[in-house]
Amino acid sequence: MEGHSFDCKKVWIIRVDPGEDVLLSIRNFISQNGIKQGIVVMGYGTLSKVSMHWVTHNQFPPSNRYEKWEDGIEILSLNGIVVDGEPHIHFTASTSSGAFGGHMEEGCICYVLCEIGFIEVDGANMTRDYVPIATDSEGNPVKRPQLRFS
C-alpha cells in the first residue's frame, strides 16, 4: 500500500450535452484545459446508451465482460481518478429493471443532462505502471495497473 497527500488546485464542473459521449467529452475537456491529474468526485444525469465493463470472477487471470445497450438510464454516481491526463471512471446507474455499475467505456451517450465534478490536484505526480500479480495457465505473467506516486 502507498498513498500521498495532494493540494486542491481547482474544482471543475463539466456539463455534457444531449447526444454527446460522456467519456469522450471528459477526455476532451481534460485535454483542452491541460489537466494532468485529478479526482472525479461526483456525477449524475441520464443516458440514452450505455457502454461499460466489469470483472466476471475473482480468479487469475482476470476476465472482463463488456456490454452495450439502449434504455432510459439514470446515472446515480460517477467517481474515479485522472492520471497523466487520462480519466478512469466507474459509475452506478439504474433503469426500470434495477441498478448496475462498472467501468465507463466510450459509448455512454448523454440523454437529457449529465453534470460531473472533479478536483484538479497538485503535489506528487501520479502514474500507472503494470506490475505482475500472477501467472496464467501457460506461465505467462498476468499484470495489473498500479498507481504510483513520485
N, C-alpha and C. Protein backbone atom coordinates (compact mmCIF):
# COMPACT_ATOMS: atom_id res chain seq x y z
N MET A 1 0.85 -1.17 0.00
CA MET A 1 0.00 0.00 0.00
C MET A 1 0.89 1.23 0.00
N GLU A 2 0.43 2.24 -0.67
CA GLU A 2 1.15 3.51 -0.73
C GLU A 2 0.12 4.62 -0.92
N GLY A 3 0.38 5.77 -0.39
CA GLY A 3 -0.51 6.91 -0.55
C GLY A 3 0.28 8.20 -0.52
N HIS A 4 -0.38 9.27 -0.89
CA HIS A 4 0.26 10.58 -0.91
C HIS A 4 -0.81 11.64 -0.73
N SER A 5 -0.45 12.75 -0.10
CA SER A 5 -1.39 13.85 0.04
C SER A 5 -1.26 14.80 -1.15
N PHE A 6 -2.35 15.46 -1.45
CA PHE A 6 -2.38 16.40 -2.58
C PHE A 6 -3.06 17.68 -2.14
N ASP A 7 -2.76 18.76 -2.85
CA ASP A 7 -3.43 20.02 -2.65
C ASP A 7 -4.46 20.20 -3.76
N CYS A 8 -5.62 20.72 -3.41
CA CYS A 8 -6.65 21.01 -4.41
C CYS A 8 -6.21 22.24 -5.20
N LYS A 9 -6.13 22.08 -6.50
CA LYS A 9 -5.73 23.18 -7.37
C LYS A 9 -6.96 23.94 -7.85
N LYS A 10 -7.90 23.21 -8.44
CA LYS A 10 -9.14 23.80 -8.94
C LYS A 10 -10.26 22.78 -8.82
N VAL A 11 -11.47 23.29 -8.65
CA VAL A 11 -12.66 22.45 -8.73
C VAL A 11 -13.32 22.75 -10.07
N TRP A 12 -13.58 21.72 -10.84
CA TRP A 12 -14.19 21.86 -12.16
C TRP A 12 -15.56 21.20 -12.17
N ILE A 13 -16.50 21.84 -12.83
CA ILE A 13 -17.81 21.26 -13.10
C ILE A 13 -17.95 21.21 -14.62
N ILE A 14 -18.28 20.03 -15.13
CA ILE A 14 -18.41 19.83 -16.57
C ILE A 14 -19.87 19.55 -16.91
N ARG A 15 -20.37 20.19 -17.93
CA ARG A 15 -21.70 19.90 -18.46
C ARG A 15 -21.52 19.14 -19.76
N VAL A 16 -22.12 17.96 -19.84
CA VAL A 16 -22.13 17.17 -21.08
C VAL A 16 -23.53 17.33 -21.67
N ASP A 17 -23.59 17.69 -22.94
CA ASP A 17 -24.88 17.98 -23.58
C ASP A 17 -25.50 16.73 -24.22
N PRO A 18 -26.83 16.77 -24.45
CA PRO A 18 -27.52 15.64 -25.07
C PRO A 18 -26.85 15.22 -26.38
N GLY A 19 -26.70 13.91 -26.54
CA GLY A 19 -26.10 13.34 -27.74
C GLY A 19 -24.60 13.20 -27.67
N GLU A 20 -23.95 13.82 -26.67
CA GLU A 20 -22.51 13.72 -26.55
C GLU A 20 -22.10 12.46 -25.78
N ASP A 21 -20.95 11.92 -26.15
CA ASP A 21 -20.36 10.78 -25.45
C ASP A 21 -19.74 11.31 -24.15
N VAL A 22 -20.15 10.78 -23.01
CA VAL A 22 -19.71 11.30 -21.72
C VAL A 22 -18.19 11.16 -21.55
N LEU A 23 -17.64 9.98 -21.78
CA LEU A 23 -16.21 9.77 -21.57
C LEU A 23 -15.37 10.59 -22.55
N LEU A 24 -15.78 10.65 -23.80
CA LEU A 24 -15.05 11.46 -24.78
C LEU A 24 -15.11 12.94 -24.42
N SER A 25 -16.25 13.39 -23.92
CA SER A 25 -16.38 14.79 -23.50
C SER A 25 -15.44 15.10 -22.35
N ILE A 26 -15.36 14.19 -21.39
CA ILE A 26 -14.45 14.37 -20.26
C ILE A 26 -13.00 14.41 -20.76
N ARG A 27 -12.64 13.47 -21.63
CA ARG A 27 -11.27 13.45 -22.17
C ARG A 27 -10.95 14.76 -22.91
N ASN A 28 -11.88 15.23 -23.72
CA ASN A 28 -11.66 16.48 -24.46
C ASN A 28 -11.49 17.66 -23.51
N PHE A 29 -12.32 17.72 -22.48
CA PHE A 29 -12.23 18.81 -21.51
C PHE A 29 -10.88 18.79 -20.80
N ILE A 30 -10.45 17.62 -20.39
CA ILE A 30 -9.15 17.46 -19.71
C ILE A 30 -8.02 17.92 -20.63
N SER A 31 -8.07 17.49 -21.87
CA SER A 31 -7.03 17.86 -22.84
C SER A 31 -7.02 19.36 -23.12
N GLN A 32 -8.20 19.93 -23.38
CA GLN A 32 -8.30 21.36 -23.70
C GLN A 32 -7.83 22.26 -22.56
N ASN A 33 -7.94 21.78 -21.32
CA ASN A 33 -7.58 22.58 -20.17
C ASN A 33 -6.23 22.19 -19.56
N GLY A 34 -5.50 21.27 -20.22
CA GLY A 34 -4.17 20.89 -19.78
C GLY A 34 -4.14 20.24 -18.40
N ILE A 35 -5.19 19.52 -18.06
CA ILE A 35 -5.29 18.89 -16.74
C ILE A 35 -4.55 17.56 -16.77
N LYS A 36 -3.64 17.37 -15.83
CA LYS A 36 -2.84 16.14 -15.77
C LYS A 36 -3.35 15.14 -14.75
N GLN A 37 -3.86 15.64 -13.60
CA GLN A 37 -4.30 14.70 -12.57
C GLN A 37 -5.41 15.31 -11.72
N GLY A 38 -6.32 14.44 -11.30
CA GLY A 38 -7.44 14.91 -10.52
C GLY A 38 -8.26 13.76 -9.98
N ILE A 39 -9.32 14.12 -9.28
CA ILE A 39 -10.21 13.16 -8.67
C ILE A 39 -11.63 13.47 -9.12
N VAL A 40 -12.30 12.51 -9.74
CA VAL A 40 -13.70 12.66 -10.11
C VAL A 40 -14.51 12.40 -8.84
N VAL A 41 -15.22 13.42 -8.36
CA VAL A 41 -15.88 13.32 -7.06
C VAL A 41 -17.39 13.18 -7.14
N MET A 42 -17.99 13.50 -8.28
CA MET A 42 -19.44 13.37 -8.39
C MET A 42 -19.86 13.41 -9.85
N GLY A 43 -21.02 12.89 -10.08
CA GLY A 43 -21.62 12.97 -11.40
C GLY A 43 -23.01 12.37 -11.36
N TYR A 44 -23.89 12.89 -12.18
CA TYR A 44 -25.25 12.40 -12.27
C TYR A 44 -25.80 12.79 -13.63
N GLY A 45 -26.92 12.24 -13.98
CA GLY A 45 -27.55 12.60 -15.24
C GLY A 45 -28.32 11.44 -15.83
N THR A 46 -28.53 11.52 -17.14
CA THR A 46 -29.26 10.48 -17.85
C THR A 46 -28.49 10.07 -19.09
N LEU A 47 -28.67 8.82 -19.48
CA LEU A 47 -28.04 8.28 -20.68
C LEU A 47 -29.11 7.66 -21.57
N SER A 48 -28.89 7.75 -22.88
CA SER A 48 -29.75 7.02 -23.82
C SER A 48 -29.08 5.70 -24.22
N LYS A 49 -27.75 5.66 -24.10
CA LYS A 49 -26.98 4.44 -24.40
C LYS A 49 -25.93 4.28 -23.32
N VAL A 50 -25.63 3.04 -23.00
CA VAL A 50 -24.59 2.75 -22.02
C VAL A 50 -23.58 1.79 -22.64
N SER A 51 -22.32 1.97 -22.26
CA SER A 51 -21.23 1.08 -22.66
C SER A 51 -20.32 0.96 -21.45
N MET A 52 -20.14 -0.27 -20.96
CA MET A 52 -19.40 -0.47 -19.72
C MET A 52 -18.77 -1.85 -19.68
N HIS A 53 -17.90 -2.04 -18.70
CA HIS A 53 -17.40 -3.38 -18.44
C HIS A 53 -17.20 -3.58 -16.94
N TRP A 54 -17.14 -4.84 -16.54
CA TRP A 54 -16.89 -5.20 -15.15
C TRP A 54 -16.21 -6.56 -15.13
N VAL A 55 -15.56 -6.88 -14.00
CA VAL A 55 -14.90 -8.18 -13.87
C VAL A 55 -15.96 -9.25 -13.66
N THR A 56 -15.67 -10.45 -14.15
CA THR A 56 -16.68 -11.52 -14.11
C THR A 56 -16.41 -12.58 -13.06
N HIS A 57 -15.22 -12.60 -12.46
CA HIS A 57 -14.90 -13.58 -11.42
C HIS A 57 -13.71 -13.09 -10.61
N ASN A 58 -13.28 -13.86 -9.65
CA ASN A 58 -12.18 -13.45 -8.78
C ASN A 58 -10.97 -14.39 -8.89
N GLN A 59 -10.70 -14.88 -10.08
CA GLN A 59 -9.56 -15.77 -10.31
C GLN A 59 -8.60 -15.11 -11.29
N PHE A 60 -7.34 -15.60 -11.32
CA PHE A 60 -6.36 -15.07 -12.26
C PHE A 60 -6.23 -16.02 -13.43
N PRO A 61 -6.11 -15.51 -14.64
CA PRO A 61 -6.13 -14.10 -14.96
C PRO A 61 -7.55 -13.54 -14.87
N PRO A 62 -7.66 -12.22 -14.62
CA PRO A 62 -8.99 -11.61 -14.56
C PRO A 62 -9.67 -11.65 -15.93
N SER A 63 -10.97 -11.56 -15.90
CA SER A 63 -11.75 -11.56 -17.12
C SER A 63 -12.79 -10.45 -17.03
N ASN A 64 -13.00 -9.74 -18.12
CA ASN A 64 -13.98 -8.66 -18.15
C ASN A 64 -15.13 -8.99 -19.08
N ARG A 65 -16.29 -8.49 -18.73
CA ARG A 65 -17.47 -8.60 -19.58
C ARG A 65 -17.81 -7.20 -20.06
N TYR A 66 -17.95 -7.03 -21.37
CA TYR A 66 -18.29 -5.74 -21.98
C TYR A 66 -19.72 -5.80 -22.47
N GLU A 67 -20.48 -4.75 -22.20
CA GLU A 67 -21.88 -4.69 -22.63
C GLU A 67 -22.22 -3.30 -23.13
N LYS A 68 -23.15 -3.26 -24.09
CA LYS A 68 -23.70 -2.01 -24.61
C LYS A 68 -25.20 -2.22 -24.77
N TRP A 69 -25.98 -1.20 -24.43
CA TRP A 69 -27.42 -1.26 -24.68
C TRP A 69 -28.02 0.13 -24.63
N GLU A 70 -29.27 0.23 -25.08
CA GLU A 70 -30.03 1.48 -25.06
C GLU A 70 -31.21 1.31 -24.12
N ASP A 71 -31.55 2.40 -23.42
CA ASP A 71 -32.68 2.38 -22.49
C ASP A 71 -32.80 3.76 -21.88
N GLY A 72 -33.74 3.95 -21.01
CA GLY A 72 -33.79 5.14 -20.18
C GLY A 72 -32.91 4.86 -18.97
N ILE A 73 -31.79 5.52 -18.86
CA ILE A 73 -30.78 5.18 -17.85
C ILE A 73 -30.49 6.40 -16.99
N GLU A 74 -30.58 6.25 -15.69
CA GLU A 74 -30.26 7.30 -14.73
C GLU A 74 -28.88 7.04 -14.14
N ILE A 75 -27.96 8.00 -14.28
CA ILE A 75 -26.66 7.90 -13.62
C ILE A 75 -26.87 8.30 -12.16
N LEU A 76 -26.54 7.39 -11.25
CA LEU A 76 -26.69 7.67 -9.83
C LEU A 76 -25.41 8.25 -9.24
N SER A 77 -24.26 7.84 -9.76
CA SER A 77 -22.99 8.40 -9.30
C SER A 77 -21.88 8.09 -10.29
N LEU A 78 -20.91 8.98 -10.33
CA LEU A 78 -19.67 8.81 -11.10
C LEU A 78 -18.53 9.07 -10.13
N ASN A 79 -17.48 8.28 -10.21
CA ASN A 79 -16.28 8.57 -9.43
C ASN A 79 -15.07 7.96 -10.12
N GLY A 80 -13.91 8.48 -9.80
CA GLY A 80 -12.71 7.95 -10.41
C GLY A 80 -11.53 8.88 -10.20
N ILE A 81 -10.57 8.74 -11.09
CA ILE A 81 -9.31 9.46 -10.97
C ILE A 81 -8.81 9.82 -12.36
N VAL A 82 -8.06 10.90 -12.44
CA VAL A 82 -7.40 11.30 -13.69
C VAL A 82 -5.90 11.17 -13.42
N VAL A 83 -5.24 10.32 -14.19
CA VAL A 83 -3.80 10.09 -14.05
C VAL A 83 -3.15 10.38 -15.38
N ASP A 84 -2.19 11.28 -15.38
CA ASP A 84 -1.46 11.68 -16.58
C ASP A 84 -2.43 12.06 -17.71
N GLY A 85 -3.49 12.77 -17.36
CA GLY A 85 -4.45 13.27 -18.34
C GLY A 85 -5.48 12.27 -18.81
N GLU A 86 -5.48 11.05 -18.25
CA GLU A 86 -6.41 10.01 -18.69
C GLU A 86 -7.39 9.67 -17.57
N PRO A 87 -8.71 9.85 -17.81
CA PRO A 87 -9.69 9.52 -16.78
C PRO A 87 -9.95 8.03 -16.68
N HIS A 88 -10.13 7.56 -15.47
CA HIS A 88 -10.55 6.18 -15.19
C HIS A 88 -11.79 6.32 -14.32
N ILE A 89 -12.95 6.03 -14.90
CA ILE A 89 -14.22 6.36 -14.24
C ILE A 89 -15.08 5.11 -14.07
N HIS A 90 -15.62 4.97 -12.88
CA HIS A 90 -16.62 3.95 -12.59
C HIS A 90 -17.94 4.66 -12.32
N PHE A 91 -19.04 3.98 -12.57
CA PHE A 91 -20.33 4.61 -12.34
C PHE A 91 -21.36 3.60 -11.89
N THR A 92 -22.37 4.15 -11.22
CA THR A 92 -23.54 3.39 -10.83
C THR A 92 -24.73 4.03 -11.52
N ALA A 93 -25.60 3.20 -12.05
CA ALA A 93 -26.77 3.71 -12.78
C ALA A 93 -27.95 2.78 -12.56
N SER A 94 -29.11 3.20 -13.05
CA SER A 94 -30.29 2.36 -12.90
C SER A 94 -31.21 2.51 -14.10
N THR A 95 -32.01 1.49 -14.29
CA THR A 95 -33.12 1.50 -15.26
C THR A 95 -34.35 1.04 -14.49
N SER A 96 -35.46 0.88 -15.18
CA SER A 96 -36.66 0.38 -14.51
C SER A 96 -36.47 -1.06 -14.02
N SER A 97 -35.43 -1.75 -14.53
CA SER A 97 -35.15 -3.13 -14.12
C SER A 97 -34.28 -3.23 -12.88
N GLY A 98 -33.60 -2.15 -12.50
CA GLY A 98 -32.74 -2.19 -11.33
C GLY A 98 -31.45 -1.42 -11.53
N ALA A 99 -30.58 -1.51 -10.54
CA ALA A 99 -29.31 -0.77 -10.55
C ALA A 99 -28.17 -1.67 -11.03
N PHE A 100 -27.12 -1.03 -11.56
CA PHE A 100 -25.93 -1.74 -12.02
C PHE A 100 -24.75 -0.77 -11.94
N GLY A 101 -23.57 -1.29 -12.09
CA GLY A 101 -22.40 -0.42 -12.08
C GLY A 101 -21.21 -1.10 -12.72
N GLY A 102 -20.20 -0.29 -13.01
CA GLY A 102 -18.98 -0.82 -13.60
C GLY A 102 -18.10 0.29 -14.12
N HIS A 103 -17.20 -0.08 -14.99
CA HIS A 103 -16.21 0.82 -15.58
C HIS A 103 -16.80 1.47 -16.83
N MET A 104 -16.80 2.80 -16.88
CA MET A 104 -17.36 3.53 -18.02
C MET A 104 -16.48 3.37 -19.24
N GLU A 105 -17.10 3.08 -20.37
CA GLU A 105 -16.42 2.98 -21.66
C GLU A 105 -16.98 4.05 -22.60
N GLU A 106 -16.27 4.29 -23.68
CA GLU A 106 -16.81 5.17 -24.73
C GLU A 106 -18.11 4.57 -25.23
N GLY A 107 -19.09 5.42 -25.49
CA GLY A 107 -20.39 4.95 -25.96
C GLY A 107 -21.51 5.22 -24.97
N CYS A 108 -21.19 5.80 -23.80
CA CYS A 108 -22.23 6.26 -22.88
C CYS A 108 -22.69 7.63 -23.38
N ILE A 109 -23.90 7.68 -23.92
CA ILE A 109 -24.39 8.88 -24.59
C ILE A 109 -25.38 9.62 -23.68
N CYS A 110 -25.10 10.91 -23.47
CA CYS A 110 -25.96 11.76 -22.65
C CYS A 110 -27.34 11.85 -23.29
N TYR A 111 -28.38 11.68 -22.47
CA TYR A 111 -29.75 11.77 -22.96
C TYR A 111 -30.32 13.17 -22.73
N VAL A 112 -30.56 13.56 -21.48
CA VAL A 112 -31.12 14.87 -21.18
C VAL A 112 -30.06 15.79 -20.59
N LEU A 113 -29.34 15.29 -19.59
CA LEU A 113 -28.26 16.08 -18.99
C LEU A 113 -27.26 15.16 -18.32
N CYS A 114 -26.07 15.68 -18.13
CA CYS A 114 -25.02 14.99 -17.37
C CYS A 114 -24.09 16.06 -16.84
N GLU A 115 -23.89 16.06 -15.53
CA GLU A 115 -23.02 17.04 -14.90
C GLU A 115 -22.03 16.31 -14.01
N ILE A 116 -20.76 16.70 -14.13
CA ILE A 116 -19.68 15.98 -13.47
C ILE A 116 -18.80 16.99 -12.75
N GLY A 117 -18.39 16.65 -11.54
CA GLY A 117 -17.47 17.49 -10.78
C GLY A 117 -16.19 16.75 -10.50
N PHE A 118 -15.08 17.44 -10.70
CA PHE A 118 -13.82 16.84 -10.29
C PHE A 118 -12.86 17.91 -9.80
N ILE A 119 -11.91 17.45 -9.04
CA ILE A 119 -10.93 18.33 -8.42
C ILE A 119 -9.57 18.08 -9.07
N GLU A 120 -9.02 19.12 -9.65
CA GLU A 120 -7.66 19.05 -10.17
C GLU A 120 -6.72 19.14 -8.98
N VAL A 121 -5.73 18.26 -8.90
CA VAL A 121 -4.84 18.23 -7.73
C VAL A 121 -3.40 18.49 -8.12
N ASP A 122 -2.66 18.96 -7.13
CA ASP A 122 -1.25 19.27 -7.27
C ASP A 122 -0.49 18.56 -6.16
N GLY A 123 0.75 18.26 -6.40
CA GLY A 123 1.58 17.59 -5.40
C GLY A 123 2.42 16.56 -6.10
N ALA A 124 2.39 15.34 -5.62
CA ALA A 124 3.12 14.26 -6.27
C ALA A 124 2.57 14.01 -7.66
N ASN A 125 3.39 13.47 -8.54
CA ASN A 125 2.92 13.05 -9.86
C ASN A 125 2.39 11.63 -9.75
N MET A 126 1.21 11.41 -10.29
CA MET A 126 0.63 10.07 -10.31
C MET A 126 0.89 9.46 -11.68
N THR A 127 1.28 8.20 -11.68
CA THR A 127 1.46 7.43 -12.91
C THR A 127 0.88 6.04 -12.69
N ARG A 128 0.69 5.30 -13.77
CA ARG A 128 0.26 3.91 -13.69
C ARG A 128 1.32 3.03 -14.33
N ASP A 129 1.79 2.05 -13.57
CA ASP A 129 2.69 1.03 -14.09
C ASP A 129 1.92 -0.28 -14.13
N TYR A 130 2.38 -1.20 -14.96
CA TYR A 130 1.78 -2.52 -14.99
C TYR A 130 2.73 -3.49 -14.30
N VAL A 131 2.24 -4.11 -13.24
CA VAL A 131 3.07 -4.99 -12.42
C VAL A 131 2.48 -6.40 -12.43
N PRO A 132 3.35 -7.43 -12.41
CA PRO A 132 2.84 -8.81 -12.39
C PRO A 132 2.16 -9.13 -11.06
N ILE A 133 1.04 -9.86 -11.14
CA ILE A 133 0.33 -10.27 -9.93
C ILE A 133 0.13 -11.78 -9.88
N ALA A 134 0.33 -12.46 -11.02
CA ALA A 134 0.13 -13.91 -11.08
C ALA A 134 0.67 -14.39 -12.43
N THR A 135 0.53 -15.67 -12.67
CA THR A 135 0.84 -16.23 -13.98
C THR A 135 -0.39 -16.98 -14.47
N ASP A 136 -0.56 -17.01 -15.79
CA ASP A 136 -1.69 -17.73 -16.35
C ASP A 136 -1.33 -19.22 -16.47
N SER A 137 -2.23 -20.01 -17.03
CA SER A 137 -2.04 -21.46 -17.12
C SER A 137 -0.85 -21.85 -17.99
N GLU A 138 -0.37 -20.93 -18.83
CA GLU A 138 0.79 -21.20 -19.69
C GLU A 138 2.07 -20.60 -19.12
N GLY A 139 2.00 -20.05 -17.90
CA GLY A 139 3.18 -19.49 -17.27
C GLY A 139 3.49 -18.05 -17.65
N ASN A 140 2.61 -17.41 -18.40
CA ASN A 140 2.81 -16.01 -18.78
C ASN A 140 2.39 -15.10 -17.64
N PRO A 141 3.11 -13.98 -17.45
CA PRO A 141 2.73 -13.09 -16.35
C PRO A 141 1.38 -12.41 -16.61
N VAL A 142 0.59 -12.32 -15.55
CA VAL A 142 -0.66 -11.56 -15.56
C VAL A 142 -0.35 -10.27 -14.84
N LYS A 143 -0.62 -9.14 -15.50
CA LYS A 143 -0.27 -7.84 -14.93
C LYS A 143 -1.52 -7.03 -14.62
N ARG A 144 -1.37 -6.11 -13.69
CA ARG A 144 -2.45 -5.20 -13.35
C ARG A 144 -1.89 -3.79 -13.29
N PRO A 145 -2.73 -2.79 -13.54
CA PRO A 145 -2.25 -1.41 -13.40
C PRO A 145 -2.08 -1.08 -11.92
N GLN A 146 -0.98 -0.39 -11.62
CA GLN A 146 -0.72 0.01 -10.24
C GLN A 146 -0.43 1.50 -10.20
N LEU A 147 -1.16 2.21 -9.35
CA LEU A 147 -0.95 3.64 -9.18
C LEU A 147 0.37 3.88 -8.45
N ARG A 148 1.18 4.79 -8.96
CA ARG A 148 2.46 5.16 -8.35
C ARG A 148 2.51 6.66 -8.10
N PHE A 149 3.26 7.06 -7.10
CA PHE A 149 3.44 8.47 -6.76
C PHE A 149 4.93 8.80 -6.81
N SER A 150 5.25 9.95 -7.41
CA SER A 150 6.67 10.36 -7.43
C SER A 150 6.77 11.86 -7.20
